Amino acid sequence: MKKTLISFAFLILGGLLFYCSPSCSADGETLFNTKCGKCHNSRGQGPVFAPVRYASSQWERFFQRNKHKRKKDISKEVTPEEAELIKKYLVDHAADSDRPIAAGLR
């Protein structure tokens, strides 16, 4: 009985670890605040901004052309999957979206 319970616990834990890997557990807003917020805040090197600062097409172009790389390469801090989630968040809440968000990084 004890061995069965331990095996079951490992099975459940393993499933949770697989299901909740870092790339899928974070949403775009959280990544935007934690990853982008390291520099884009009132004390950082980059300008402070919010999703509503640009239209969705501008955010799309920014990521498509990898414009961030011109000033600072962030590829070591932000994975391609995370960048995609951040882009989706910014586009979904851009100035011309149905749900614009004006609150930016502090």
N, C-alpha and C. Protein backbone atom coordinates (compact mmCIF):
# COMPACT_ATOMS: atom_id res chain seq x y z
N MET A 1 0.81 -1.19 0.00
CA MET A 1 0.00 0.00 0.00
C MET A 1 0.86 1.27 0.00
N LYS A 2 1.89 1.30 0.88
CA LYS A 2 2.76 2.45 0.98
C LYS A 2 3.50 2.69 -0.34
N LYS A 3 3.98 1.60 -0.96
CA LYS A 3 4.69 1.70 -2.22
C LYS A 3 3.77 2.24 -3.32
N THR A 4 2.52 1.84 -3.32
CA THR A 4 1.55 2.32 -4.30
C THR A 4 1.30 3.81 -4.12
N LEU A 5 1.17 4.26 -2.88
CA LEU A 5 0.95 5.69 -2.61
C LEU A 5 2.14 6.53 -3.04
N ILE A 6 3.34 6.03 -2.77
CA ILE A 6 4.55 6.76 -3.16
C ILE A 6 4.65 6.83 -4.68
N SER A 7 4.38 5.74 -5.36
CA SER A 7 4.40 5.72 -6.82
C SER A 7 3.36 6.68 -7.38
N PHE A 8 2.18 6.70 -6.79
CA PHE A 8 1.11 7.59 -7.23
C PHE A 8 1.52 9.06 -7.02
N ALA A 9 2.16 9.34 -5.87
CA ALA A 9 2.60 10.72 -5.58
C ALA A 9 3.63 11.18 -6.61
N PHE A 10 4.59 10.32 -6.95
CA PHE A 10 5.59 10.68 -7.95
C PHE A 10 4.96 10.87 -9.32
N LEU A 11 3.98 10.06 -9.65
CA LEU A 11 3.28 10.19 -10.92
C LEU A 11 2.56 11.54 -11.00
N ILE A 12 1.87 11.91 -9.94
CA ILE A 12 1.17 13.19 -9.90
C ILE A 12 2.15 14.36 -9.94
N LEU A 13 3.20 14.29 -9.12
CA LEU A 13 4.19 15.35 -9.09
C LEU A 13 4.86 15.51 -10.45
N GLY A 14 5.22 14.41 -11.07
CA GLY A 14 5.83 14.46 -12.40
C GLY A 14 4.91 15.11 -13.42
N GLY A 15 3.64 14.78 -13.35
CA GLY A 15 2.66 15.38 -14.25
C GLY A 15 2.53 16.87 -14.02
N LEU A 16 2.55 17.29 -12.78
CA LEU A 16 2.46 18.72 -12.47
C LEU A 16 3.70 19.46 -12.97
N LEU A 17 4.87 18.87 -12.78
CA LEU A 17 6.09 19.51 -13.24
C LEU A 17 6.10 19.63 -14.75
N PHE A 18 5.62 18.61 -15.45
CA PHE A 18 5.55 18.67 -16.91
C PHE A 18 4.53 19.70 -17.34
N TYR A 19 3.37 19.70 -16.73
CA TYR A 19 2.29 20.60 -17.10
C TYR A 19 2.63 22.05 -16.79
N CYS A 20 3.35 22.30 -15.72
CA CYS A 20 3.63 23.66 -15.27
C CYS A 20 5.09 24.02 -15.47
N SER A 21 5.63 23.75 -16.63
CA SER A 21 7.00 24.14 -16.90
C SER A 21 7.09 25.66 -16.96
N PRO A 22 8.27 26.26 -16.74
CA PRO A 22 8.39 27.72 -16.70
C PRO A 22 7.85 28.42 -17.93
N SER A 23 8.02 27.83 -19.10
CA SER A 23 7.57 28.51 -20.31
C SER A 23 6.06 28.58 -20.42
N CYS A 24 5.34 27.63 -19.80
CA CYS A 24 3.89 27.67 -19.91
C CYS A 24 3.23 28.24 -18.68
N SER A 25 3.94 28.33 -17.58
CA SER A 25 3.30 28.78 -16.35
C SER A 25 3.17 30.29 -16.29
N ALA A 26 4.02 31.01 -16.98
CA ALA A 26 3.95 32.46 -16.95
C ALA A 26 3.08 32.97 -18.09
N ASP A 27 2.35 34.03 -17.81
CA ASP A 27 1.56 34.65 -18.86
C ASP A 27 2.30 35.88 -19.36
N GLY A 28 1.83 36.46 -20.44
CA GLY A 28 2.50 37.60 -21.05
C GLY A 28 2.63 38.80 -20.14
N GLU A 29 1.59 39.07 -19.34
CA GLU A 29 1.64 40.21 -18.44
C GLU A 29 2.71 40.02 -17.37
N THR A 30 2.78 38.84 -16.81
CA THR A 30 3.80 38.55 -15.79
C THR A 30 5.19 38.66 -16.39
N LEU A 31 5.37 38.09 -17.57
CA LEU A 31 6.68 38.17 -18.23
C LEU A 31 7.04 39.61 -18.56
N PHE A 32 6.07 40.37 -19.05
CA PHE A 32 6.30 41.78 -19.35
C PHE A 32 6.78 42.53 -18.10
N ASN A 33 6.10 42.29 -16.99
CA ASN A 33 6.44 42.98 -15.75
C ASN A 33 7.78 42.53 -15.17
N THR A 34 8.08 41.24 -15.25
CA THR A 34 9.31 40.74 -14.64
C THR A 34 10.51 40.88 -15.57
N LYS A 35 10.36 40.43 -16.80
CA LYS A 35 11.50 40.45 -17.73
C LYS A 35 11.76 41.85 -18.28
N CYS A 36 10.75 42.49 -18.80
CA CYS A 36 10.92 43.83 -19.39
C CYS A 36 11.13 44.88 -18.30
N GLY A 37 10.48 44.63 -17.16
CA GLY A 37 10.57 45.58 -16.05
C GLY A 37 11.95 45.71 -15.44
N LYS A 38 12.84 44.76 -15.73
CA LYS A 38 14.21 44.86 -15.19
C LYS A 38 14.90 46.12 -15.69
N CYS A 39 14.64 46.51 -16.92
CA CYS A 39 15.27 47.70 -17.49
C CYS A 39 14.26 48.83 -17.72
N HIS A 40 13.06 48.48 -18.10
CA HIS A 40 12.06 49.50 -18.43
C HIS A 40 11.27 49.90 -17.20
N ASN A 41 11.92 50.60 -16.32
CA ASN A 41 11.27 51.14 -15.12
C ASN A 41 11.91 52.48 -14.81
N SER A 42 11.45 53.15 -13.80
CA SER A 42 11.95 54.49 -13.50
C SER A 42 13.43 54.51 -13.11
N ARG A 43 13.97 53.36 -12.72
CA ARG A 43 15.39 53.29 -12.34
C ARG A 43 16.25 52.58 -13.39
N GLY A 44 15.63 52.04 -14.44
CA GLY A 44 16.35 51.27 -15.44
C GLY A 44 16.94 52.11 -16.56
N GLN A 45 17.58 51.42 -17.50
CA GLN A 45 18.21 52.09 -18.63
C GLN A 45 17.22 52.42 -19.74
N GLY A 46 16.18 51.63 -19.86
CA GLY A 46 15.23 51.81 -20.95
C GLY A 46 14.09 52.73 -20.58
N PRO A 47 13.37 53.21 -21.58
CA PRO A 47 12.22 54.07 -21.30
C PRO A 47 11.10 53.29 -20.63
N VAL A 48 10.35 53.97 -19.78
CA VAL A 48 9.19 53.36 -19.14
C VAL A 48 8.05 53.40 -20.15
N PHE A 49 7.36 52.28 -20.34
CA PHE A 49 6.25 52.26 -21.29
C PHE A 49 5.16 51.31 -20.86
N ALA A 50 4.04 51.41 -21.56
CA ALA A 50 2.87 50.57 -21.31
C ALA A 50 2.40 50.01 -22.64
N PRO A 51 1.60 48.95 -22.64
CA PRO A 51 1.10 48.39 -23.89
C PRO A 51 0.39 49.41 -24.78
N VAL A 52 -0.29 50.37 -24.15
CA VAL A 52 -1.07 51.35 -24.89
C VAL A 52 -0.19 52.39 -25.61
N ARG A 53 1.08 52.35 -25.38
CA ARG A 53 1.99 53.33 -26.01
C ARG A 53 1.98 53.22 -27.53
N TYR A 54 1.77 52.02 -28.06
CA TYR A 54 1.78 51.81 -29.50
C TYR A 54 0.54 51.05 -29.96
N ALA A 55 0.27 51.13 -31.25
CA ALA A 55 -0.82 50.36 -31.87
C ALA A 55 -0.35 48.92 -32.05
N SER A 56 -1.29 48.02 -32.21
CA SER A 56 -0.94 46.60 -32.35
C SER A 56 0.00 46.34 -33.52
N SER A 57 -0.20 47.02 -34.64
CA SER A 57 0.67 46.81 -35.80
C SER A 57 2.10 47.26 -35.51
N GLN A 58 2.25 48.29 -34.67
CA GLN A 58 3.59 48.74 -34.30
C GLN A 58 4.29 47.71 -33.41
N TRP A 59 3.54 47.12 -32.47
CA TRP A 59 4.13 46.07 -31.64
C TRP A 59 4.52 44.88 -32.50
N GLU A 60 3.65 44.50 -33.44
CA GLU A 60 3.95 43.37 -34.35
C GLU A 60 5.25 43.64 -35.10
N ARG A 61 5.38 44.84 -35.68
CA ARG A 61 6.59 45.19 -36.43
C ARG A 61 7.83 45.20 -35.54
N PHE A 62 7.69 45.71 -34.33
CA PHE A 62 8.81 45.75 -33.39
C PHE A 62 9.39 44.36 -33.19
N PHE A 63 8.51 43.38 -32.94
CA PHE A 63 8.98 42.01 -32.70
C PHE A 63 9.41 41.33 -34.00
N GLN A 64 8.69 41.58 -35.09
CA GLN A 64 9.03 40.97 -36.37
C GLN A 64 10.43 41.39 -36.82
N ARG A 65 10.75 42.63 -36.63
CA ARG A 65 12.05 43.16 -37.05
C ARG A 65 13.12 43.04 -35.97
N ASN A 66 12.76 42.45 -34.82
CA ASN A 66 13.70 42.25 -33.71
C ASN A 66 14.42 43.55 -33.36
N LYS A 67 13.64 44.62 -33.24
CA LYS A 67 14.22 45.95 -33.01
C LYS A 67 14.92 46.07 -31.67
N HIS A 68 14.53 45.28 -30.70
CA HIS A 68 15.19 45.38 -29.40
C HIS A 68 16.67 45.05 -29.52
N LYS A 69 17.01 44.17 -30.42
CA LYS A 69 18.40 43.74 -30.57
C LYS A 69 19.33 44.89 -30.97
N ARG A 70 18.79 45.93 -31.59
CA ARG A 70 19.62 47.07 -32.00
C ARG A 70 20.23 47.79 -30.80
N LYS A 71 19.50 47.85 -29.70
CA LYS A 71 19.98 48.59 -28.54
C LYS A 71 20.59 47.67 -27.48
N LYS A 72 19.92 46.56 -27.21
CA LYS A 72 20.42 45.60 -26.23
C LYS A 72 19.89 44.23 -26.58
N ASP A 73 20.79 43.29 -26.78
CA ASP A 73 20.38 41.92 -27.10
C ASP A 73 19.86 41.26 -25.83
N ILE A 74 18.60 40.88 -25.86
CA ILE A 74 17.97 40.29 -24.67
C ILE A 74 17.77 38.78 -24.83
N SER A 75 18.37 38.20 -25.85
CA SER A 75 18.14 36.78 -26.14
C SER A 75 18.58 35.84 -25.01
N LYS A 76 19.48 36.29 -24.16
CA LYS A 76 19.91 35.46 -23.03
C LYS A 76 18.93 35.54 -21.86
N GLU A 77 18.16 36.63 -21.79
CA GLU A 77 17.20 36.82 -20.71
C GLU A 77 15.78 36.38 -21.07
N VAL A 78 15.44 36.46 -22.36
CA VAL A 78 14.08 36.17 -22.81
C VAL A 78 14.13 35.11 -23.90
N THR A 79 13.47 33.98 -23.65
CA THR A 79 13.43 32.91 -24.65
C THR A 79 12.47 33.31 -25.78
N PRO A 80 12.57 32.66 -26.93
CA PRO A 80 11.62 32.95 -28.01
C PRO A 80 10.16 32.72 -27.59
N GLU A 81 9.93 31.71 -26.78
CA GLU A 81 8.55 31.44 -26.31
C GLU A 81 8.06 32.56 -25.41
N GLU A 82 8.94 33.04 -24.53
CA GLU A 82 8.57 34.16 -23.65
C GLU A 82 8.33 35.43 -24.46
N ALA A 83 9.18 35.67 -25.45
CA ALA A 83 9.01 36.85 -26.30
C ALA A 83 7.66 36.81 -27.02
N GLU A 84 7.26 35.63 -27.45
CA GLU A 84 5.96 35.48 -28.12
C GLU A 84 4.81 35.79 -27.16
N LEU A 85 4.90 35.34 -25.92
CA LEU A 85 3.88 35.63 -24.92
C LEU A 85 3.83 37.13 -24.60
N ILE A 86 5.00 37.76 -24.51
CA ILE A 86 5.06 39.20 -24.24
C ILE A 86 4.45 39.96 -25.41
N LYS A 87 4.81 39.56 -26.63
CA LYS A 87 4.25 40.22 -27.81
C LYS A 87 2.74 40.11 -27.84
N LYS A 88 2.22 38.92 -27.56
CA LYS A 88 0.77 38.72 -27.55
C LYS A 88 0.11 39.63 -26.53
N TYR A 89 0.70 39.74 -25.35
CA TYR A 89 0.16 40.62 -24.32
C TYR A 89 0.14 42.07 -24.80
N LEU A 90 1.26 42.54 -25.38
CA LEU A 90 1.34 43.92 -25.83
C LEU A 90 0.36 44.20 -26.97
N VAL A 91 0.25 43.27 -27.92
CA VAL A 91 -0.68 43.44 -29.04
C VAL A 91 -2.13 43.42 -28.55
N ASP A 92 -2.43 42.47 -27.66
CA ASP A 92 -3.80 42.35 -27.14
C ASP A 92 -4.25 43.58 -26.35
N HIS A 93 -3.28 44.34 -25.82
CA HIS A 93 -3.63 45.49 -24.98
C HIS A 93 -3.07 46.80 -25.53
N ALA A 94 -2.81 46.82 -26.83
CA ALA A 94 -2.28 48.01 -27.50
C ALA A 94 -3.33 49.12 -27.57
N ALA A 95 -2.90 50.28 -28.01
CA ALA A 95 -3.79 51.46 -28.07
C ALA A 95 -5.04 51.21 -28.90
N ASP A 96 -4.93 50.45 -29.97
CA ASP A 96 -6.08 50.22 -30.85
C ASP A 96 -6.81 48.89 -30.57
N SER A 97 -6.52 48.28 -29.44
CA SER A 97 -7.15 47.00 -29.10
C SER A 97 -8.49 47.22 -28.41
N ASP A 98 -9.22 46.14 -28.22
CA ASP A 98 -10.49 46.18 -27.48
C ASP A 98 -10.25 46.38 -25.99
N ARG A 99 -9.05 46.03 -25.51
CA ARG A 99 -8.74 46.08 -24.08
C ARG A 99 -7.41 46.79 -23.84
N PRO A 100 -7.32 48.08 -24.17
CA PRO A 100 -6.03 48.78 -23.97
C PRO A 100 -5.67 48.88 -22.49
N ILE A 101 -4.39 48.77 -22.22
CA ILE A 101 -3.91 48.91 -20.84
C ILE A 101 -2.90 50.05 -20.81
N ALA A 102 -3.21 51.05 -20.01
CA ALA A 102 -2.36 52.22 -19.90
C ALA A 102 -1.34 52.11 -18.78
N ALA A 103 -1.59 51.20 -17.85
CA ALA A 103 -0.64 51.05 -16.74
C ALA A 103 0.66 50.45 -17.27
N GLY A 104 1.73 51.12 -16.99
CA GLY A 104 3.02 50.65 -17.47
C GLY A 104 3.89 50.13 -16.35
N LEU A 105 5.14 49.96 -16.66
CA LEU A 105 6.11 49.48 -15.69
C LEU A 105 6.53 50.63 -14.79
N ARG A 106 6.80 50.32 -13.56
CA ARG A 106 7.23 51.35 -12.61
C ARG A 106 8.65 51.11 -12.19
